[in-house]
Amino acid sequence: MTAPRVWTRVVIVPALLLALAACAKNGERAQEAGAVAADAAVASPEGAFLAYEHDVQVQLEAAQIAPRIQQVAQACQNAKFGECAVLQVDQRSGEQPSGEVKVRIAPKGVESLIGLAGEGGKLQARNTRAEDLAQQVADTALTKARLEKEHARLLSYQDRGDLKIEDLMAITTRLSEIEAGVEQATKDAAQQRRRIDTQLVTMHFDTTSGQRSRSEIGEALSESGSILSTSVAFLIRAAAALLPVGVVALVMAWIVRALIRRRRRKLPPAV
């Protein structure tokens, strides 16, 4: 073996292997960075009161839709990607099967769940939006604080011994109203907190465009027989409806022709 070939194997080959290894590590780091960036993109900033909602359109083979819907629902129910609650599961069969899964999930599990939904298929479209609940949260907290302050003040009045029966009854009624208001404000605050801490994800599943085209052609062929029979039935009905009119028209034409011939016979011959 010549010296240049030995030098090539000893120096260049290890350098190429090191370069490939570095590229692989960079690819893994890029994937990890992409995943982190995706998670950060849907996470509410610190101190913000944003309620995120995601709509995802996924295209799959027809045979994969029903199993995938069940897989996504079970992954949510089993908290595979974090805290999750299934809100709606809709599945439609037939030549063009489709379905929908709606869940409320912790922000860190959004991308993983969407990735599971689109695995082996095509993520056709995705829409992410956020509603700012800062004003609603502030209003609810202010309402609750005001009611609690009024409740404490009325309780202090209620302990007075010089109150009349009418005043005592009015205070008792107002305390009941305030307690109901505080309870409702507490429920509103809990619902707002839930919308901020978790995110609504709606995944729509549909067949691929090629399958839809084949299905539409098959559906058209299957309907051709009924369309033909309907057309023939329409022609028969039209003929049956026009037959009396045609008979009357023929009779009238024969009568007119007979009258014309009779009139010609009565005319004197031309000189």
Protein backbone atom coordinates (compact mmCIF):
# COMPACT_ATOMS: atom_id res chain seq x y z
CA MET A 1 0.00 0.00 0.00
CA THR A 2 1.39 3.36 -0.99
CA ALA A 3 2.06 6.16 1.47
CA PRO A 4 -0.66 8.55 0.12
CA ARG A 5 -3.35 5.89 0.53
CA VAL A 6 -2.23 5.16 4.09
CA TRP A 7 -2.26 8.86 4.90
CA THR A 8 -5.77 9.16 3.43
CA ARG A 9 -7.13 6.37 5.62
CA VAL A 10 -5.36 7.53 8.74
CA VAL A 11 -6.20 11.24 8.53
CA ILE A 12 -9.15 11.90 6.23
CA VAL A 13 -11.47 9.04 7.28
CA PRO A 14 -11.38 9.86 11.02
CA ALA A 15 -11.92 13.53 10.15
CA LEU A 16 -15.01 12.65 8.15
CA LEU A 17 -16.35 10.49 10.98
CA LEU A 18 -15.84 13.32 13.46
CA ALA A 19 -17.61 15.74 11.12
CA LEU A 20 -20.60 13.39 10.75
CA ALA A 21 -20.78 12.92 14.51
CA ALA A 22 -20.73 16.70 15.00
CA CYS A 23 -23.51 17.13 12.45
CA ALA A 24 -25.61 14.49 14.21
CA LYS A 25 -25.10 16.20 17.57
CA ASN A 26 -25.97 19.56 16.04
CA GLY A 27 -29.13 18.03 14.54
CA GLU A 28 -30.16 16.62 17.91
CA ARG A 29 -29.50 19.96 19.56
CA ALA A 30 -31.51 21.72 16.87
CA GLN A 31 -34.42 19.33 17.43
CA GLU A 32 -34.24 19.86 21.19
CA ALA A 33 -34.03 23.62 20.70
CA GLY A 34 -37.01 23.45 18.34
CA ALA A 35 -39.03 21.52 20.90
CA VAL A 36 -38.11 23.97 23.64
CA ALA A 37 -38.96 26.90 21.36
CA ALA A 38 -42.32 25.32 20.51
CA ASP A 39 -43.11 24.80 24.19
CA ALA A 40 -42.06 28.38 24.94
CA ALA A 41 -44.22 29.67 22.10
CA VAL A 42 -47.42 28.40 23.73
CA ALA A 43 -46.49 29.09 27.36
CA SER A 44 -48.08 32.13 28.94
CA PRO A 45 -45.44 34.74 29.91
CA GLU A 46 -44.80 35.29 33.59
CA GLY A 47 -47.42 37.58 35.09
CA ALA A 48 -49.68 37.44 32.02
CA PHE A 49 -53.27 36.22 32.09
CA LEU A 50 -53.54 34.61 28.64
CA ALA A 51 -55.96 31.81 27.80
CA TYR A 52 -54.57 29.87 24.82
CA GLU A 53 -56.64 27.86 22.34
CA HIS A 54 -55.33 25.68 19.49
CA ASP A 55 -57.17 24.35 16.42
CA VAL A 56 -55.36 21.63 14.49
CA GLN A 57 -56.31 19.99 11.17
CA VAL A 58 -54.78 16.51 10.69
CA GLN A 59 -55.01 14.37 7.54
CA LEU A 60 -54.65 10.60 7.94
CA GLU A 61 -55.40 7.44 6.01
CA ALA A 62 -59.03 6.40 6.50
CA ALA A 63 -58.08 3.27 8.45
CA GLN A 64 -55.98 5.28 10.91
CA ILE A 65 -58.57 7.85 11.95
CA ALA A 66 -60.66 5.82 14.42
CA PRO A 67 -57.64 4.24 16.21
CA ARG A 68 -55.88 7.60 16.36
CA ILE A 69 -58.89 9.29 17.95
CA GLN A 70 -58.97 6.61 20.64
CA GLN A 71 -55.20 6.84 21.11
CA VAL A 72 -55.27 10.60 21.60
CA ALA A 73 -58.23 10.40 24.01
CA GLN A 74 -56.57 7.67 26.08
CA ALA A 75 -53.26 9.55 26.19
CA CYS A 76 -55.13 12.54 27.63
CA GLN A 77 -57.14 10.48 30.12
CA ASN A 78 -53.99 8.72 31.33
CA ALA A 79 -52.16 12.09 31.69
CA LYS A 80 -49.39 10.81 29.40
CA PHE A 81 -48.21 14.35 28.64
CA GLY A 82 -49.29 16.02 31.86
CA GLU A 83 -52.55 17.15 33.39
CA CYS A 84 -55.28 16.71 30.79
CA ALA A 85 -59.08 16.44 30.57
CA VAL A 86 -61.08 15.16 27.59
CA LEU A 87 -63.93 17.56 26.81
CA GLN A 88 -65.33 16.07 23.59
CA VAL A 89 -64.82 13.05 21.32
CA ASP A 90 -66.64 12.98 17.98
CA GLN A 91 -66.17 10.16 15.47
CA ARG A 92 -67.89 9.71 12.08
CA SER A 93 -67.51 6.55 9.96
CA GLY A 94 -68.38 5.79 6.35
CA GLU A 95 -66.46 6.18 3.09
CA GLN A 96 -64.99 9.46 4.34
CA PRO A 97 -64.40 8.92 8.07
CA SER A 98 -63.57 11.92 10.21
CA GLY A 99 -63.56 12.94 13.83
CA GLU A 100 -62.66 15.49 16.45
CA VAL A 101 -61.08 15.44 19.90
CA LYS A 102 -61.22 18.44 22.23
CA VAL A 103 -59.10 18.49 25.37
CA ARG A 104 -57.83 20.89 28.00
CA ILE A 105 -54.19 20.19 28.80
CA ALA A 106 -51.23 21.69 30.66
CA PRO A 107 -49.05 23.90 28.40
CA LYS A 108 -46.04 21.57 28.53
CA GLY A 109 -48.06 18.75 26.94
CA VAL A 110 -49.59 20.68 24.03
CA GLU A 111 -46.87 20.01 21.46
CA SER A 112 -46.50 16.35 22.44
CA LEU A 113 -50.22 15.70 22.13
CA ILE A 114 -50.41 17.46 18.75
CA GLY A 115 -47.39 15.44 17.62
CA LEU A 116 -49.19 12.22 18.60
CA ALA A 117 -52.31 13.32 16.72
CA GLY A 118 -50.37 13.95 13.50
CA GLU A 119 -48.00 10.98 13.70
CA GLY A 120 -47.83 9.21 10.33
CA GLY A 121 -50.09 11.82 8.73
CA LYS A 122 -50.03 15.42 7.65
CA LEU A 123 -50.57 18.48 9.80
CA GLN A 124 -52.75 20.34 7.32
CA ALA A 125 -53.35 23.53 9.33
CA ARG A 126 -52.92 24.95 12.80
CA ASN A 127 -54.29 28.06 14.45
CA THR A 128 -53.20 29.33 17.87
CA ARG A 129 -54.88 32.26 19.58
CA ALA A 130 -54.96 33.72 23.08
CA GLU A 131 -57.55 35.70 24.99
CA ASP A 132 -56.28 38.25 27.51
CA LEU A 133 -58.15 37.67 30.79
CA ALA A 134 -56.29 40.32 32.77
CA GLN A 135 -59.29 42.65 33.01
CA GLN A 136 -61.68 39.83 33.88
CA VAL A 137 -59.35 38.56 36.61
CA ALA A 138 -58.98 42.07 38.06
CA ASP A 139 -62.75 42.68 38.01
CA THR A 140 -63.48 39.37 39.71
CA ALA A 141 -60.90 39.98 42.42
CA LEU A 142 -62.23 43.50 43.01
CA THR A 143 -65.83 42.28 43.23
CA LYS A 144 -64.90 39.55 45.69
CA ALA A 145 -62.87 41.92 47.88
CA ARG A 146 -65.70 44.48 47.94
CA LEU A 147 -68.29 41.86 48.90
CA GLU A 148 -66.09 40.40 51.62
CA LYS A 149 -65.50 43.86 53.08
CA GLU A 150 -69.23 44.59 53.12
CA HIS A 151 -69.90 41.19 54.67
CA ALA A 152 -67.49 41.88 57.53
CA ARG A 153 -69.05 45.32 58.14
CA LEU A 154 -72.59 43.90 58.27
CA LEU A 155 -71.51 41.20 60.68
CA SER A 156 -70.24 43.89 63.03
CA TYR A 157 -73.62 45.69 62.79
CA GLN A 158 -75.44 42.45 63.46
CA ASP A 159 -73.76 42.12 66.86
CA ARG A 160 -75.19 45.40 68.10
CA GLY A 161 -77.89 45.03 70.73
CA ASP A 162 -79.91 48.12 69.83
CA LEU A 163 -80.96 46.91 66.36
CA LYS A 164 -84.61 46.74 65.53
CA ILE A 165 -86.13 43.53 64.19
CA GLU A 166 -86.66 45.11 60.77
CA ASP A 167 -83.02 46.19 60.53
CA LEU A 168 -81.81 42.79 61.69
CA MET A 169 -83.90 41.03 59.05
CA ALA A 170 -82.62 43.42 56.35
CA ILE A 171 -79.00 42.77 57.39
CA THR A 172 -79.58 39.01 57.38
CA THR A 173 -81.07 39.15 53.88
CA ARG A 174 -78.20 41.25 52.61
CA LEU A 175 -75.65 38.89 54.18
CA SER A 176 -77.21 35.99 52.28
CA GLU A 177 -76.98 37.92 49.02
CA ILE A 178 -73.36 38.82 49.69
CA GLU A 179 -72.44 35.21 50.47
CA ALA A 180 -74.01 34.09 47.19
CA GLY A 181 -72.06 36.78 45.35
CA VAL A 182 -68.78 35.75 47.00
CA GLU A 183 -69.41 32.13 46.04
CA GLN A 184 -70.04 33.08 42.41
CA ALA A 185 -66.92 35.28 42.34
CA THR A 186 -64.90 32.36 43.71
CA LYS A 187 -66.22 30.08 40.93
CA ASP A 188 -65.44 32.70 38.29
CA ALA A 189 -61.91 33.11 39.60
CA ALA A 190 -61.37 29.34 39.58
CA GLN A 191 -62.59 29.07 35.97
CA GLN A 192 -60.36 31.95 34.88
CA ARG A 193 -57.40 30.35 36.61
CA ARG A 194 -58.15 27.05 34.88
CA ARG A 195 -58.23 28.72 31.46
CA ILE A 196 -54.88 30.39 32.18
CA ASP A 197 -53.11 27.36 33.65
CA THR A 198 -54.35 24.92 30.97
CA GLN A 199 -54.90 25.28 27.23
CA LEU A 200 -57.77 24.21 24.99
CA VAL A 201 -56.70 21.99 22.07
CA THR A 202 -59.16 20.93 19.35
CA MET A 203 -57.88 18.30 16.87
CA HIS A 204 -59.85 17.68 13.67
CA PHE A 205 -59.13 14.43 11.82
CA ASP A 206 -59.92 13.96 8.13
CA THR A 207 -58.92 11.67 5.25
CA THR A 208 -56.27 12.58 2.69
CA SER A 209 -57.22 14.44 -0.48
CA GLY A 210 -56.52 11.38 -2.64
CA GLN A 211 -58.87 9.23 -0.61
CA ARG A 212 -61.54 11.92 -0.70
CA SER A 213 -61.29 12.07 -4.52
CA ARG A 214 -61.60 8.29 -4.85
CA SER A 215 -64.47 8.27 -2.42
CA GLU A 216 -66.28 11.00 -4.32
CA ILE A 217 -65.86 9.08 -7.60
CA GLY A 218 -67.15 5.90 -5.99
CA GLU A 219 -70.04 7.78 -4.46
CA ALA A 220 -70.89 9.29 -7.86
CA LEU A 221 -70.83 5.84 -9.50
CA SER A 222 -73.00 4.35 -6.79
CA GLU A 223 -75.48 7.18 -7.19
CA SER A 224 -75.58 6.96 -11.01
CA GLY A 225 -78.18 4.18 -10.96
CA SER A 226 -80.56 6.11 -8.73
CA ILE A 227 -80.01 9.26 -10.82
CA LEU A 228 -80.82 7.35 -14.04
CA SER A 229 -83.95 5.79 -12.58
CA THR A 230 -85.07 9.17 -11.28
CA SER A 231 -84.56 10.73 -14.72
CA VAL A 232 -86.51 7.94 -16.47
CA ALA A 233 -89.32 8.24 -13.94
CA PHE A 234 -89.45 11.99 -14.57
CA LEU A 235 -89.70 11.44 -18.34
CA ILE A 236 -92.51 8.89 -17.86
CA ARG A 237 -94.43 11.27 -15.63
CA ALA A 238 -93.90 14.10 -18.13
CA ALA A 239 -95.12 11.93 -21.00
CA ALA A 240 -98.17 10.83 -19.01
CA ALA A 241 -98.95 14.45 -18.16
CA LEU A 242 -98.54 15.66 -21.76
CA LEU A 243 -100.45 12.77 -23.41
CA PRO A 244 -103.96 14.25 -22.90
CA VAL A 245 -102.76 17.61 -24.17
CA GLY A 246 -101.34 15.94 -27.28
CA VAL A 247 -104.59 14.08 -27.96
CA VAL A 248 -106.62 17.27 -27.62
CA ALA A 249 -104.19 19.10 -29.93
CA LEU A 250 -104.52 16.37 -32.60
CA VAL A 251 -108.34 16.44 -32.44
CA MET A 252 -108.38 20.24 -32.73
CA ALA A 253 -105.99 20.08 -35.70
CA TRP A 254 -108.20 17.51 -37.44
CA ILE A 255 -111.32 19.67 -36.87
CA VAL A 256 -109.61 22.81 -38.19
CA ARG A 257 -108.38 20.96 -41.26
CA ALA A 258 -111.89 19.56 -41.96
CA LEU A 259 -113.41 23.04 -41.71
CA ILE A 260 -110.85 24.45 -44.09
CA ARG A 261 -111.56 21.74 -46.66
CA ARG A 262 -115.33 22.30 -46.41
CA ARG A 263 -114.90 26.02 -46.90
CA ARG A 264 -112.80 25.50 -50.00
CA ARG A 265 -115.49 23.29 -51.52
CA LYS A 266 -118.16 25.94 -51.07
CA LEU A 267 -116.11 28.63 -52.78
CA PRO A 268 -117.14 29.28 -56.48
CA PRO A 269 -114.65 28.17 -59.05
CA ALA A 270 -112.27 30.79 -60.36
CA VAL A 271 -113.22 32.32 -63.78
